[in-house]
Amino acid sequence: MTDQPAALYRDLVPTPCFVLEEKRFEQNLELLHRVQEESGARILLALKAFAMFSVFDMVGGYLSGAAASGLYEARLAREELGLEVHTFSPAIKEGEFDQLAGLSDHLIFNSFTQWRKFRERALKHSDTRFGIRVNPEHSEVATPLYDPCGPCSRLGVTRAAFQPELLEGISGLHFHTLCELGFEPLARTVSAFEDKFGEFLPRMQWVNFGGGHHITRQGYDVEGLI
């Protein structure tokens, strides 16, 4: 696309349609790639936020993979992006589990009850790593509707409900507290996460920091993140 203001697009393209400014999109990808390279982290494209597979070839040149929230997003990531697939779904259908596990490089369970239910089948998928979502009980989102750590949340395991005796076969932990937020809320979240679950980190191989990181927003503390 050109650098012309978005207001001019109505005279250049038919409507209704989606318009992507490729130059700005690639600038965002370049920034995310820099964060990966300098921090050692892996950045994933959250498909529930952006699933325009027509630009997956471009995405694949910068990011490590995709985050899926169910079977069909996992298929989209595997078939169209072809990189790592990290899947979290608070509910998994029994009839879809093996296909979902086969498509995913990492599959995260919402509770130890869910892990116990699928553990025997899960461990047959030797190429897939499994994790548990935890709830650090730390809120950063102003709108209660979008706060995954709010009162009565059923997303993730609290410290009181954590069952370390069931960690065999679990290689990672996952938390998610943000929604279009900066580095400072992430730093506070990580501190809360370490306070509650840090004792289990030596037994883990990876941690998924969830989504909601507005890294490409002007003013984001990229150096602090790195």
Protein backbone atom coordinates (compact mmCIF):
# COMPACT_ATOMS: atom_id res chain seq x y z
CA MET A 1 0.00 0.00 0.00
CA THR A 2 0.98 3.66 -0.26
CA ASP A 3 1.69 6.12 2.55
CA GLN A 4 -1.50 8.05 1.83
CA PRO A 5 -3.78 8.78 4.80
CA ALA A 6 -6.40 6.15 5.51
CA ALA A 7 -9.15 8.68 4.75
CA LEU A 8 -8.11 8.58 1.09
CA TYR A 9 -8.48 4.82 0.78
CA ARG A 10 -12.20 5.07 0.13
CA ASP A 11 -11.36 6.62 -3.23
CA LEU A 12 -8.77 3.96 -4.06
CA VAL A 13 -10.33 0.64 -3.09
CA PRO A 14 -13.79 -0.94 -3.27
CA THR A 15 -15.86 -1.20 -0.13
CA PRO A 16 -16.50 -3.11 2.04
CA CYS A 17 -13.00 -4.57 2.34
CA PHE A 18 -10.07 -4.90 4.71
CA VAL A 19 -7.12 -2.58 4.04
CA LEU A 20 -3.67 -3.39 5.37
CA GLU A 21 -0.83 -0.87 5.22
CA GLU A 22 2.02 -3.21 4.37
CA LYS A 23 4.78 -0.74 5.16
CA ARG A 24 3.52 -0.08 8.68
CA PHE A 25 2.75 -3.75 9.17
CA GLU A 26 6.30 -4.69 8.27
CA GLN A 27 7.68 -1.99 10.56
CA ASN A 28 5.75 -3.58 13.43
CA LEU A 29 7.08 -7.01 12.50
CA GLU A 30 10.64 -5.68 12.38
CA LEU A 31 10.27 -4.28 15.90
CA LEU A 32 8.89 -7.57 17.22
CA HIS A 33 11.70 -9.46 15.51
CA ARG A 34 14.24 -7.18 17.17
CA VAL A 35 12.71 -7.95 20.58
CA GLN A 36 13.04 -11.66 19.83
CA GLU A 37 16.64 -11.39 18.71
CA GLU A 38 17.81 -9.24 21.62
CA SER A 39 15.82 -10.89 24.42
CA GLY A 40 15.85 -14.54 23.40
CA ALA A 41 12.07 -14.72 23.75
CA ARG A 42 9.77 -16.14 21.11
CA ILE A 43 6.93 -13.91 19.96
CA LEU A 44 3.73 -15.53 18.72
CA LEU A 45 0.95 -14.14 16.56
CA ALA A 46 -2.36 -14.38 18.45
CA LEU A 47 -4.79 -15.63 15.82
CA LYS A 48 -7.87 -14.56 17.75
CA ALA A 49 -6.65 -10.98 17.27
CA PHE A 50 -5.29 -11.22 13.71
CA ALA A 51 -5.81 -14.14 11.34
CA MET A 52 -5.27 -12.58 7.90
CA PHE A 53 -3.55 -15.61 6.41
CA SER A 54 -2.88 -13.78 3.15
CA VAL A 55 0.07 -12.08 4.91
CA PHE A 56 1.32 -15.14 6.80
CA ASP A 57 4.27 -15.40 4.41
CA MET A 58 5.38 -11.99 5.65
CA VAL A 59 4.70 -12.85 9.30
CA GLY A 60 6.70 -16.05 8.99
CA GLY A 61 9.82 -14.09 8.15
CA TYR A 62 9.79 -12.30 11.51
CA LEU A 63 7.90 -14.20 14.24
CA SER A 64 8.30 -17.67 15.76
CA GLY A 65 4.78 -18.98 15.38
CA ALA A 66 1.18 -18.51 16.41
CA ALA A 67 -1.02 -18.75 19.49
CA ALA A 68 -4.25 -20.65 18.87
CA SER A 69 -7.38 -20.84 21.01
CA GLY A 70 -8.86 -24.01 19.56
CA LEU A 71 -8.76 -26.67 16.88
CA TYR A 72 -9.48 -24.53 13.84
CA GLU A 73 -7.00 -21.81 14.75
CA ALA A 74 -4.40 -24.53 15.35
CA ARG A 75 -5.13 -25.93 11.89
CA LEU A 76 -4.86 -22.47 10.36
CA ALA A 77 -1.50 -21.91 12.03
CA ARG A 78 -0.13 -25.30 11.04
CA GLU A 79 -1.39 -25.27 7.46
CA GLU A 80 -0.95 -21.62 6.52
CA LEU A 81 1.89 -20.34 8.73
CA GLY A 82 3.84 -23.55 9.21
CA LEU A 83 5.73 -22.45 12.32
CA GLU A 84 5.33 -23.21 16.03
CA VAL A 85 1.76 -23.66 17.25
CA HIS A 86 0.98 -22.88 20.90
CA THR A 87 -2.59 -23.71 21.89
CA PHE A 88 -4.62 -22.79 24.94
CA SER A 89 -8.31 -23.58 25.18
CA PRO A 90 -10.27 -23.46 28.45
CA ALA A 91 -12.46 -26.30 27.16
CA ILE A 92 -11.40 -29.17 24.91
CA LYS A 93 -13.79 -31.64 23.31
CA GLU A 94 -12.83 -35.26 23.90
CA GLY A 95 -13.31 -36.07 20.23
CA GLU A 96 -10.95 -33.27 19.17
CA PHE A 97 -8.16 -33.75 21.68
CA ASP A 98 -5.83 -36.00 19.70
CA GLN A 99 -6.09 -33.87 16.58
CA LEU A 100 -5.48 -30.72 18.62
CA ALA A 101 -2.46 -32.25 20.37
CA GLY A 102 -1.09 -33.45 17.05
CA LEU A 103 -1.32 -29.98 15.54
CA SER A 104 0.23 -28.21 18.55
CA ASP A 105 3.86 -27.90 19.58
CA HIS A 106 2.70 -26.68 23.00
CA LEU A 107 -0.74 -27.40 24.45
CA ILE A 108 -1.76 -25.64 27.65
CA PHE A 109 -4.41 -26.92 30.05
CA ASN A 110 -6.66 -24.63 32.05
CA SER A 111 -6.74 -26.75 35.20
CA PHE A 112 -5.29 -29.84 36.81
CA THR A 113 -8.71 -31.46 36.44
CA GLN A 114 -8.42 -31.02 32.67
CA TRP A 115 -4.83 -32.30 32.76
CA ARG A 116 -5.85 -35.42 34.70
CA LYS A 117 -8.66 -36.07 32.23
CA PHE A 118 -6.39 -36.01 29.17
CA ARG A 119 -2.99 -36.87 30.65
CA GLU A 120 -2.81 -40.49 29.49
CA ARG A 121 -3.75 -39.54 25.94
CA ALA A 122 -1.53 -36.46 26.02
CA LEU A 123 1.63 -38.36 26.85
CA LYS A 124 1.21 -40.47 23.72
CA HIS A 125 1.99 -37.31 21.73
CA SER A 126 5.73 -37.38 22.31
CA ASP A 127 6.42 -34.35 20.10
CA THR A 128 4.05 -32.06 22.02
CA ARG A 129 4.91 -30.19 25.21
CA PHE A 130 2.21 -29.58 27.78
CA GLY A 131 1.64 -26.72 30.19
CA ILE A 132 -0.71 -25.42 32.87
CA ARG A 133 -2.27 -21.97 32.88
CA VAL A 134 -1.93 -20.25 36.24
CA ASN A 135 -3.79 -17.29 37.70
CA PRO A 136 -1.38 -14.97 39.56
CA GLU A 137 -4.42 -13.16 41.02
CA HIS A 138 -2.99 -9.87 39.86
CA SER A 139 -5.24 -7.52 37.87
CA GLU A 140 -4.01 -4.90 35.41
CA VAL A 141 -7.04 -4.55 33.11
CA ALA A 142 -9.33 -1.65 34.00
CA THR A 143 -12.50 -3.14 32.49
CA PRO A 144 -13.69 -6.11 34.60
CA LEU A 145 -15.17 -7.85 31.55
CA TYR A 146 -11.67 -8.23 30.06
CA ASP A 147 -9.83 -9.06 33.29
CA PRO A 148 -8.78 -12.74 33.23
CA CYS A 149 -7.61 -12.51 36.84
CA GLY A 150 -10.71 -10.83 38.24
CA PRO A 151 -12.82 -12.21 41.09
CA CYS A 152 -14.41 -15.59 40.31
CA SER A 153 -12.31 -16.02 37.16
CA ARG A 154 -12.17 -19.62 35.96
CA LEU A 155 -9.15 -19.00 33.75
CA GLY A 156 -6.05 -20.65 35.18
CA VAL A 157 -5.07 -22.24 38.47
CA THR A 158 -4.61 -20.10 41.57
CA ARG A 159 -1.76 -20.79 43.99
CA ALA A 160 -4.20 -22.24 46.51
CA ALA A 161 -5.47 -24.73 43.91
CA PHE A 162 -2.06 -25.58 42.45
CA GLN A 163 -1.16 -29.28 42.67
CA PRO A 164 2.60 -29.76 42.30
CA GLU A 165 2.22 -33.51 42.75
CA LEU A 166 0.57 -33.60 39.31
CA LEU A 167 3.36 -31.79 37.43
CA GLU A 168 4.90 -34.92 35.91
CA GLY A 169 4.50 -34.46 32.16
CA ILE A 170 4.08 -30.68 32.48
CA SER A 171 7.01 -28.69 31.08
CA GLY A 172 5.74 -25.11 31.23
CA LEU A 173 3.47 -22.53 32.83
CA HIS A 174 1.28 -19.90 31.21
CA PHE A 175 -0.23 -16.70 32.56
CA HIS A 176 -2.25 -13.95 30.92
CA THR A 177 -3.23 -10.66 32.57
CA LEU A 178 -2.90 -7.93 29.93
CA CYS A 179 -5.05 -6.26 27.28
CA GLU A 180 -3.28 -3.71 25.05
CA LEU A 181 -0.97 -2.66 27.88
CA GLY A 182 2.62 -1.50 28.24
CA PHE A 183 5.75 -2.92 29.81
CA GLU A 184 5.13 -1.69 33.36
CA PRO A 185 1.96 -3.79 33.86
CA LEU A 186 3.87 -6.80 32.54
CA ALA A 187 6.70 -6.18 35.00
CA ARG A 188 4.22 -6.05 37.89
CA THR A 189 2.55 -9.23 36.63
CA VAL A 190 5.84 -11.10 36.39
CA SER A 191 6.64 -10.09 39.97
CA ALA A 192 3.27 -11.41 41.16
CA PHE A 193 3.74 -14.60 39.13
CA GLU A 194 7.19 -15.21 40.60
CA ASP A 195 5.93 -14.56 44.14
CA LYS A 196 3.23 -17.20 43.79
CA PHE A 197 4.74 -19.76 41.42
CA GLY A 198 8.47 -19.08 41.37
CA GLU A 199 9.27 -22.17 43.43
CA PHE A 200 8.07 -24.34 40.53
CA LEU A 201 10.10 -22.63 37.80
CA PRO A 202 13.20 -24.83 38.25
CA ARG A 203 11.01 -27.75 37.16
CA MET A 204 9.83 -25.93 34.02
CA GLN A 205 11.40 -25.56 30.57
CA TRP A 206 9.35 -22.59 29.36
CA VAL A 207 6.92 -19.87 30.44
CA ASN A 208 4.25 -18.33 28.20
CA PHE A 209 3.62 -14.67 29.12
CA GLY A 210 0.22 -14.57 27.39
CA GLY A 211 -1.03 -11.80 25.14
CA GLY A 212 -2.14 -8.20 25.41
CA HIS A 213 1.36 -6.72 25.02
CA HIS A 214 1.09 -3.48 23.01
CA ILE A 215 4.75 -3.57 22.02
CA THR A 216 4.29 -1.63 18.78
CA ARG A 217 2.46 1.27 20.44
CA GLN A 218 4.33 4.56 20.44
CA GLY A 219 5.97 5.07 23.82
CA TYR A 220 6.17 1.39 24.78
CA ASP A 221 9.30 0.70 26.84
CA VAL A 222 10.91 -1.72 24.42
CA GLU A 223 14.31 -1.55 26.13
CA GLY A 224 12.71 -2.42 29.46
CA LEU A 225 11.00 -5.41 27.86
CA ILE A 226 14.25 -6.66 26.35
